Structure formats: structure tokens, C-alpha cells
Amino acid sequence: MIQHINIEDKELRQKIKQKEIVLGGNKKLKIYGTLHCKSGKRMKRENRVFFASTKEAENQGYRPCGHCISTAYKKWKDGLV
């Protein structure tokens, strides 16, 4: 997990281009989603974190976003209810 406040924009773009970062998340809400999600783009920089995989995000205790990863979110939600 990489926190957005701890990485320079140039390095971040390079990691995204090299596919080292594929998901973004909100560390306060413990939600992860795609880098193109409208919900994720609205969050504050200090709350944003990045992940290399869904497995990494889930191991850190994050849940899928209901907007951009709706099928995984539904599976997650059904597992809790």
C-alpha cells in the first residue's frame, strides 16, 4: 500500500504506467476501486492510497467499491449479510 501523500506525482504516474499500481482506495472508509472511478477521484489526497492488486487491498482490510467494482461489491455484501 502506498499513501498518496508519500509519493511524488511523477513517480506515481510512472508506477501506474508500469502497472505497479492498479487500484486506489480511501484509507478512512477502507474502500478500494479502479483508478478511473468517479468516487475515487473526489476523495482528498491525504485519504487516498494505492494498491498493486485486489488481493493486497483485501489483505489490508479494504472492501470493493460499489460503483466501479459492483460485482465484487455484491459478493462482499452478500457474504456479510
PDB file of N, CA and C in Angstrom:
ATOM      1  N   MET A   1       0.840  -1.173   0.000  1.00  0.00           N
ATOM      2  CA  MET A   1       0.000   0.000   0.000  1.00  0.00           C
ATOM      3  C   MET A   1       0.891   1.244   0.000  1.00  0.00           C
ATOM      4  N   ILE A   2       0.557   2.170  -0.869  1.00  0.00           N
ATOM      5  CA  ILE A   2       1.287   3.432  -0.974  1.00  0.00           C
ATOM      6  C   ILE A   2       0.314   4.567  -0.685  1.00  0.00           C
ATOM      7  N   GLN A   3       0.658   5.432   0.241  1.00  0.00           N
ATOM      8  CA  GLN A   3      -0.188   6.588   0.530  1.00  0.00           C
ATOM      9  C   GLN A   3       0.134   7.709  -0.455  1.00  0.00           C
ATOM     10  N   HIS A   4      -0.906   8.374  -0.924  1.00  0.00           N
ATOM     11  CA  HIS A   4      -0.729   9.421  -1.943  1.00  0.00           C
ATOM     12  C   HIS A   4       0.129  10.571  -1.416  1.00  0.00           C
ATOM     13  N   ILE A   5       0.043  10.879  -0.134  1.00  0.00           N
ATOM     14  CA  ILE A   5       0.825  11.985   0.415  1.00  0.00           C
ATOM     15  C   ILE A   5       2.310  11.650   0.504  1.00  0.00           C
ATOM     16  N   ASN A   6       2.668  10.367   0.345  1.00  0.00           N
ATOM     17  CA  ASN A   6       4.063   9.941   0.459  1.00  0.00           C
ATOM     18  C   ASN A   6       4.736   9.661  -0.879  1.00  0.00           C
ATOM     19  N   ILE A   7       4.093  10.031  -1.986  1.00  0.00           N
ATOM     20  CA  ILE A   7       4.668   9.750  -3.303  1.00  0.00           C
ATOM     21  C   ILE A   7       4.541  10.990  -4.187  1.00  0.00           C
ATOM     22  N   GLU A   8       5.577  11.271  -4.933  1.00  0.00           N
ATOM     23  CA  GLU A   8       5.563  12.397  -5.870  1.00  0.00           C
ATOM     24  C   GLU A   8       4.687  12.043  -7.072  1.00  0.00           C
ATOM     25  N   ASP A   9       4.069  13.049  -7.677  1.00  0.00           N
ATOM     26  CA  ASP A   9       3.174  12.816  -8.807  1.00  0.00           C
ATOM     27  C   ASP A   9       3.874  12.133  -9.984  1.00  0.00           C
ATOM     28  N   LYS A  10       5.109  12.530 -10.254  1.00  0.00           N
ATOM     29  CA  LYS A  10       5.860  11.931 -11.368  1.00  0.00           C
ATOM     30  C   LYS A  10       6.091  10.442 -11.117  1.00  0.00           C
ATOM     31  N   GLU A  11       6.482  10.088  -9.896  1.00  0.00           N
ATOM     32  CA  GLU A  11       6.713   8.687  -9.549  1.00  0.00           C
ATOM     33  C   GLU A  11       5.399   7.898  -9.592  1.00  0.00           C
ATOM     34  N   LEU A  12       4.316   8.513  -9.143  1.00  0.00           N
ATOM     35  CA  LEU A  12       3.005   7.870  -9.173  1.00  0.00           C
ATOM     36  C   LEU A  12       2.595   7.538 -10.606  1.00  0.00           C
ATOM     37  N   ARG A  13       2.721   8.515 -11.511  1.00  0.00           N
ATOM     38  CA  ARG A  13       2.370   8.272 -12.918  1.00  0.00           C
ATOM     39  C   ARG A  13       3.209   7.151 -13.519  1.00  0.00           C
ATOM     40  N   GLN A  14       4.486   7.109 -13.151  1.00  0.00           N
ATOM     41  CA  GLN A  14       5.374   6.069 -13.665  1.00  0.00           C
ATOM     42  C   GLN A  14       4.935   4.687 -13.166  1.00  0.00           C
ATOM     43  N   LYS A  15       4.583   4.586 -11.899  1.00  0.00           N
ATOM     44  CA  LYS A  15       4.138   3.302 -11.342  1.00  0.00           C
ATOM     45  C   LYS A  15       2.823   2.847 -11.959  1.00  0.00           C
ATOM     46  N   ILE A  16       1.934   3.789 -12.248  1.00  0.00           N
ATOM     47  CA  ILE A  16       0.670   3.443 -12.903  1.00  0.00           C
ATOM     48  C   ILE A  16       0.938   2.961 -14.324  1.00  0.00           C
ATOM     49  N   LYS A  17       1.816   3.648 -15.030  1.00  0.00           N
ATOM     50  CA  LYS A  17       2.154   3.269 -16.407  1.00  0.00           C
ATOM     51  C   LYS A  17       2.792   1.882 -16.458  1.00  0.00           C
ATOM     52  N   GLN A  18       3.622   1.550 -15.467  1.00  0.00           N
ATOM     53  CA  GLN A  18       4.291   0.250 -15.410  1.00  0.00           C
ATOM     54  C   GLN A  18       3.419  -0.831 -14.768  1.00  0.00           C
ATOM     55  N   LYS A  19       2.166  -0.496 -14.432  1.00  0.00           N
ATOM     56  CA  LYS A  19       1.190  -1.420 -13.837  1.00  0.00           C
ATOM     57  C   LYS A  19       1.596  -1.897 -12.441  1.00  0.00           C
ATOM     58  N   GLU A  20       2.444  -1.118 -11.756  1.00  0.00           N
ATOM     59  CA  GLU A  20       2.778  -1.427 -10.370  1.00  0.00           C
ATOM     60  C   GLU A  20       1.655  -0.975  -9.442  1.00  0.00           C
ATOM     61  N   ILE A  21       0.868  -0.012  -9.902  1.00  0.00           N
ATOM     62  CA  ILE A  21      -0.310   0.462  -9.178  1.00  0.00           C
ATOM     63  C   ILE A  21      -1.499   0.292 -10.110  1.00  0.00           C
ATOM     64  N   VAL A  22      -2.532  -0.439  -9.657  1.00  0.00           N
ATOM     65  CA  VAL A  22      -3.711  -0.660 -10.498  1.00  0.00           C
ATOM     66  C   VAL A  22      -5.017  -0.268  -9.809  1.00  0.00           C
ATOM     67  N   LEU A  23      -4.976  -0.055  -8.494  1.00  0.00           N
ATOM     68  CA  LEU A  23      -6.183   0.287  -7.748  1.00  0.00           C
ATOM     69  C   LEU A  23      -5.910   1.440  -6.791  1.00  0.00           C
ATOM     70  N   GLY A  24      -6.956   2.179  -6.492  1.00  0.00           N
ATOM     71  CA  GLY A  24      -6.870   3.239  -5.499  1.00  0.00           C
ATOM     72  C   GLY A  24      -7.858   2.964  -4.392  1.00  0.00           C
ATOM     73  N   GLY A  25      -7.624   3.562  -3.227  1.00  0.00           N
ATOM     74  CA  GLY A  25      -8.527   3.336  -2.116  1.00  0.00           C
ATOM     75  C   GLY A  25      -8.623   4.538  -1.195  1.00  0.00           C
ATOM     76  N   ASN A  26      -9.607   4.483  -0.312  1.00  0.00           N
ATOM     77  CA  ASN A  26      -9.809   5.515   0.693  1.00  0.00           C
ATOM     78  C   ASN A  26      -9.462   4.914   2.043  1.00  0.00           C
ATOM     79  N   LYS A  27      -8.413   5.432   2.681  1.00  0.00           N
ATOM     80  CA  LYS A  27      -7.941   4.817   3.922  1.00  0.00           C
ATOM     81  C   LYS A  27      -8.878   5.048   5.098  1.00  0.00           C
ATOM     82  N   LYS A  28      -9.694   6.089   5.057  1.00  0.00           N
ATOM     83  CA  LYS A  28     -10.655   6.312   6.152  1.00  0.00           C
ATOM     84  C   LYS A  28     -11.868   5.405   6.025  1.00  0.00           C
ATOM     85  N   LEU A  29     -12.357   5.220   4.808  1.00  0.00           N
ATOM     86  CA  LEU A  29     -13.544   4.398   4.580  1.00  0.00           C
ATOM     87  C   LEU A  29     -13.222   2.929   4.341  1.00  0.00           C
ATOM     88  N   LYS A  30     -11.932   2.638   4.098  1.00  0.00           N
ATOM     89  CA  LYS A  30     -11.482   1.264   3.824  1.00  0.00           C
ATOM     90  C   LYS A  30     -12.177   0.681   2.592  1.00  0.00           C
ATOM     91  N   ILE A  31     -12.200   1.479   1.508  1.00  0.00           N
ATOM     92  CA  ILE A  31     -12.797   1.069   0.236  1.00  0.00           C
ATOM     93  C   ILE A  31     -11.737   1.161  -0.853  1.00  0.00           C
ATOM     94  N   TYR A  32     -11.703   0.186  -1.776  1.00  0.00           N
ATOM     95  CA  TYR A  32     -10.792   0.264  -2.918  1.00  0.00           C
ATOM     96  C   TYR A  32     -11.584   0.161  -4.215  1.00  0.00           C
ATOM     97  N   GLY A  33     -11.025   0.754  -5.282  1.00  0.00           N
ATOM     98  CA  GLY A  33     -11.675   0.707  -6.590  1.00  0.00           C
ATOM     99  C   GLY A  33     -10.681   0.987  -7.699  1.00  0.00           C
ATOM    100  N   THR A  34     -11.208   1.108  -8.910  1.00  0.00           N
ATOM    101  CA  THR A  34     -10.347   1.370 -10.064  1.00  0.00           C
ATOM    102  C   THR A  34      -9.822   2.800 -10.001  1.00  0.00           C
ATOM    103  N   LEU A  35      -8.785   3.074 -10.745  1.00  0.00           N
ATOM    104  CA  LEU A  35      -8.207   4.411 -10.784  1.00  0.00           C
ATOM    105  C   LEU A  35      -9.082   5.394 -11.560  1.00  0.00           C
ATOM    106  N   HIS A  36     -10.056   4.878 -12.309  1.00  0.00           N
ATOM    107  CA  HIS A  36     -10.918   5.728 -13.129  1.00  0.00           C
ATOM    108  C   HIS A  36     -12.268   6.004 -12.478  1.00  0.00           C
ATOM    109  N   CYS A  37     -12.486   5.506 -11.274  1.00  0.00           N
ATOM    110  CA  CYS A  37     -13.773   5.644 -10.583  1.00  0.00           C
ATOM    111  C   CYS A  37     -14.034   7.105 -10.200  1.00  0.00           C
ATOM    112  N   LYS A  38     -15.234   7.594 -10.487  1.00  0.00           N
ATOM    113  CA  LYS A  38     -15.591   8.973 -10.146  1.00  0.00           C
ATOM    114  C   LYS A  38     -15.571   9.195  -8.638  1.00  0.00           C
ATOM    115  N   SER A  39     -15.993   8.209  -7.882  1.00  0.00           N
ATOM    116  CA  SER A  39     -15.989   8.342  -6.418  1.00  0.00           C
ATOM    117  C   SER A  39     -14.568   8.494  -5.899  1.00  0.00           C
ATOM    118  N   GLY A  40     -13.650   7.730  -6.450  1.00  0.00           N
ATOM    119  CA  GLY A  40     -12.263   7.791  -6.020  1.00  0.00           C
ATOM    120  C   GLY A  40     -11.579   9.095  -6.379  1.00  0.00           C
ATOM    121  N   LYS A  41     -11.956   9.667  -7.494  1.00  0.00           N
ATOM    122  CA  LYS A  41     -11.340  10.919  -7.929  1.00  0.00           C
ATOM    123  C   LYS A  41     -11.748  12.095  -7.049  1.00  0.00           C
ATOM    124  N   ARG A  42     -12.864  11.976  -6.331  1.00  0.00           N
ATOM    125  CA  ARG A  42     -13.342  13.070  -5.486  1.00  0.00           C
ATOM    126  C   ARG A  42     -12.696  13.095  -4.106  1.00  0.00           C
ATOM    127  N   MET A  43     -12.050  12.022  -3.699  1.00  0.00           N
ATOM    128  CA  MET A  43     -11.520  11.975  -2.330  1.00  0.00           C
ATOM    129  C   MET A  43     -10.297  12.867  -2.154  1.00  0.00           C
ATOM    130  N   LYS A  44     -10.059  13.239  -0.923  1.00  0.00           N
ATOM    131  CA  LYS A  44      -8.913  14.080  -0.599  1.00  0.00           C
ATOM    132  C   LYS A  44      -7.616  13.297  -0.759  1.00  0.00           C
ATOM    133  N   ARG A  45      -6.579  13.999  -1.127  1.00  0.00           N
ATOM    134  CA  ARG A  45      -5.264  13.394  -1.350  1.00  0.00           C
ATOM    135  C   ARG A  45      -4.760  12.673  -0.098  1.00  0.00           C
ATOM    136  N   GLU A  46      -4.983  13.240   1.088  1.00  0.00           N
ATOM    137  CA  GLU A  46      -4.481  12.626   2.317  1.00  0.00           C
ATOM    138  C   GLU A  46      -5.216  11.334   2.686  1.00  0.00           C
ATOM    139  N   ASN A  47      -6.373  11.096   2.088  1.00  0.00           N
ATOM    140  CA  ASN A  47      -7.119   9.849   2.339  1.00  0.00           C
ATOM    141  C   ASN A  47      -6.862   8.783   1.281  1.00  0.00           C
ATOM    142  N   ARG A  48      -6.202   9.142   0.189  1.00  0.00           N
ATOM    143  CA  ARG A  48      -6.023   8.227  -0.945  1.00  0.00           C
ATOM    144  C   ARG A  48      -4.808   7.329  -0.759  1.00  0.00           C
ATOM    145  N   VAL A  49      -5.003   6.040  -1.055  1.00  0.00           N
ATOM    146  CA  VAL A  49      -3.921   5.056  -1.038  1.00  0.00           C
ATOM    147  C   VAL A  49      -3.976   4.265  -2.339  1.00  0.00           C
ATOM    148  N   PHE A  50      -2.886   3.589  -2.665  1.00  0.00           N
ATOM    149  CA  PHE A  50      -2.815   2.826  -3.908  1.00  0.00           C
ATOM    150  C   PHE A  50      -2.383   1.392  -3.642  1.00  0.00           C
ATOM    151  N   PHE A  51      -2.890   0.477  -4.481  1.00  0.00           N
ATOM    152  CA  PHE A  51      -2.599  -0.941  -4.341  1.00  0.00           C
ATOM    153  C   PHE A  51      -2.155  -1.542  -5.674  1.00  0.00           C
ATOM    154  N   ALA A  52      -1.378  -2.602  -5.579  1.00  0.00           N
ATOM    155  CA  ALA A  52      -0.924  -3.316  -6.770  1.00  0.00           C
ATOM    156  C   ALA A  52      -1.939  -4.363  -7.219  1.00  0.00           C
ATOM    157  N   SER A  53      -2.811  -4.823  -6.302  1.00  0.00           N
ATOM    158  CA  SER A  53      -3.776  -5.875  -6.645  1.00  0.00           C
ATOM    159  C   SER A  53      -4.961  -5.861  -5.690  1.00  0.00           C
ATOM    160  N   THR A  54      -6.024  -6.544  -6.098  1.00  0.00           N
ATOM    161  CA  THR A  54      -7.189  -6.667  -5.212  1.00  0.00           C
ATOM    162  C   THR A  54      -6.832  -7.470  -3.973  1.00  0.00           C
ATOM    163  N   LYS A  55      -5.973  -8.454  -4.143  1.00  0.00           N
ATOM    164  CA  LYS A  55      -5.552  -9.282  -3.007  1.00  0.00           C
ATOM    165  C   LYS A  55      -4.850  -8.422  -1.948  1.00  0.00           C
ATOM    166  N   GLU A  56      -3.979  -7.533  -2.390  1.00  0.00           N
ATOM    167  CA  GLU A  56      -3.284  -6.644  -1.456  1.00  0.00           C
ATOM    168  C   GLU A  56      -4.281  -5.757  -0.711  1.00  0.00           C
ATOM    169  N   ALA A  57      -5.246  -5.196  -1.443  1.00  0.00           N
ATOM    170  CA  ALA A  57      -6.247  -4.320  -0.819  1.00  0.00           C
ATOM    171  C   ALA A  57      -7.083  -5.085   0.202  1.00  0.00           C
ATOM    172  N   GLU A  58      -7.532  -6.272  -0.170  1.00  0.00           N
ATOM    173  CA  GLU A  58      -8.355  -7.067   0.744  1.00  0.00           C
ATOM    174  C   GLU A  58      -7.561  -7.549   1.953  1.00  0.00           C
ATOM    175  N   ASN A  59      -6.288  -7.862   1.771  1.00  0.00           N
ATOM    176  CA  ASN A  59      -5.441  -8.254   2.901  1.00  0.00           C
ATOM    177  C   ASN A  59      -5.252  -7.105   3.889  1.00  0.00           C
ATOM    178  N   GLN A  60      -5.362  -5.875   3.404  1.00  0.00           N
ATOM    179  CA  GLN A  60      -5.243  -4.694   4.259  1.00  0.00           C
ATOM    180  C   GLN A  60      -6.579  -4.332   4.919  1.00  0.00           C
ATOM    181  N   GLY A  61      -7.634  -5.095   4.607  1.00  0.00           N
ATOM    182  CA  GLY A  61      -8.936  -4.865   5.223  1.00  0.00           C
ATOM    183  C   GLY A  61      -9.867  -3.947   4.456  1.00  0.00           C
ATOM    184  N   TYR A  62      -9.595  -3.720   3.171  1.00  0.00           N
ATOM    185  CA  TYR A  62     -10.426  -2.856   2.343  1.00  0.00           C
ATOM    186  C   TYR A  62     -11.498  -3.675   1.628  1.00  0.00           C
ATOM    187  N   ARG A  63     -12.647  -3.025   1.350  1.00  0.00           N
ATOM    188  CA  ARG A  63     -13.734  -3.676   0.617  1.00  0.00           C
ATOM    189  C   ARG A  63     -13.852  -3.071  -0.775  1.00  0.00           C
ATOM    190  N   PRO A  64     -14.467  -3.799  -1.724  1.00  0.00           N
ATOM    191  CA  PRO A  64     -14.626  -3.273  -3.090  1.00  0.00           C
ATOM    192  C   PRO A  64     -15.598  -2.089  -3.145  1.00  0.00           C
ATOM    193  N   CYS A  65     -15.377  -1.213  -4.088  1.00  0.00           N
ATOM    194  CA  CYS A  65     -16.254  -0.056  -4.329  1.00  0.00           C
ATOM    195  C   CYS A  65     -17.563  -0.530  -4.966  1.00  0.00           C
ATOM    196  N   GLY A  66     -18.666   0.016  -4.519  1.00  0.00           N
ATOM    197  CA  GLY A  66     -19.970  -0.352  -5.063  1.00  0.00           C
ATOM    198  C   GLY A  66     -20.253   0.243  -6.427  1.00  0.00           C
ATOM    199  N   HIS A  67     -19.489   1.256  -6.840  1.00  0.00           N
ATOM    200  CA  HIS A  67     -19.718   1.894  -8.134  1.00  0.00           C
ATOM    201  C   HIS A  67     -18.921   1.251  -9.260  1.00  0.00           C
ATOM    202  N   CYS A  68     -17.621   1.115  -9.072  1.00  0.00           N
ATOM    203  CA  CYS A  68     -16.770   0.674 -10.185  1.00  0.00           C
ATOM    204  C   CYS A  68     -16.464  -0.831 -10.163  1.00  0.00           C
ATOM    205  N   ILE A  69     -16.631  -1.482  -9.026  1.00  0.00           N
ATOM    206  CA  ILE A  69     -16.402  -2.929  -8.946  1.00  0.00           C
ATOM    207  C   ILE A  69     -17.654  -3.560  -8.333  1.00  0.00           C
ATOM    208  N   SER A  70     -18.785  -3.334  -8.983  1.00  0.00           N
ATOM    209  CA  SER A  70     -20.073  -3.709  -8.405  1.00  0.00           C
ATOM    210  C   SER A  70     -20.254  -5.214  -8.199  1.00  0.00           C
ATOM    211  N   THR A  71     -19.713  -6.041  -9.079  1.00  0.00           N
ATOM    212  CA  THR A  71     -19.894  -7.492  -8.897  1.00  0.00           C
ATOM    213  C   THR A  71     -19.136  -7.986  -7.660  1.00  0.00           C
ATOM    214  N   ALA A  72     -17.911  -7.519  -7.482  1.00  0.00           N
ATOM    215  CA  ALA A  72     -17.142  -7.901  -6.287  1.00  0.00           C
ATOM    216  C   ALA A  72     -17.784  -7.318  -5.035  1.00  0.00           C
ATOM    217  N   TYR A  73     -18.342  -6.108  -5.155  1.00  0.00           N
ATOM    218  CA  TYR A  73     -19.014  -5.485  -4.020  1.00  0.00           C
ATOM    219  C   TYR A  73     -20.230  -6.304  -3.596  1.00  0.00           C
ATOM    220  N   LYS A  74     -21.019  -6.758  -4.582  1.00  0.00           N
ATOM    221  CA  LYS A  74     -22.209  -7.556  -4.270  1.00  0.00           C
ATOM    222  C   LYS A  74     -21.827  -8.864  -3.581  1.00  0.00           C
ATOM    223  N   LYS A  75     -20.746  -9.498  -4.048  1.00  0.00           N
ATOM    224  CA  LYS A  75     -20.271 -10.729  -3.403  1.00  0.00           C
ATOM    225  C   LYS A  75     -19.827 -10.434  -1.970  1.00  0.00           C
ATOM    226  N   TRP A  76     -19.115  -9.320  -1.771  1.00  0.00           N
ATOM    227  CA  TRP A  76     -18.664  -8.925  -0.448  1.00  0.00           C
ATOM    228  C   TRP A  76     -19.866  -8.660   0.461  1.00  0.00           C
ATOM    229  N   LYS A  77     -20.837  -7.923  -0.058  1.00  0.00           N
ATOM    230  CA  LYS A  77     -22.007  -7.566   0.730  1.00  0.00           C
ATOM    231  C   LYS A  77     -22.837  -8.793   1.083  1.00  0.00           C
ATOM    232  N   ASP A  78     -23.023  -9.698   0.132  1.00  0.00           N
ATOM    233  CA  ASP A  78     -23.786 -10.925   0.399  1.00  0.00           C
ATOM    234  C   ASP A  78     -23.106 -11.803   1.421  1.00  0.00           C
ATOM    235  N   GLY A  79     -21.788 -11.751   1.455  1.00  0.00           N
ATOM    236  CA  GLY A  79     -21.048 -12.533   2.433  1.00  0.00           C
ATOM    237  C   GLY A  79     -21.191 -12.009   3.846  1.00  0.00           C
ATOM    238  N   LEU A  80     -21.521 -10.713   3.980  1.00  0.00           N
ATOM    239  CA  LEU A  80     -21.671 -10.109   5.313  1.00  0.00           C
ATOM    240  C   LEU A  80     -23.087 -10.213   5.841  1.00  0.00           C
ATOM    241  N   VAL A  81     -24.078 -10.267   4.944  1.00  0.00           N
ATOM    242  CA  VAL A  81     -25.483 -10.261   5.375  1.00  0.00           C
ATOM    243  C   VAL A  81     -25.932 -11.619   5.807  1.00  0.00           C
TER     244      VAL A  81
END
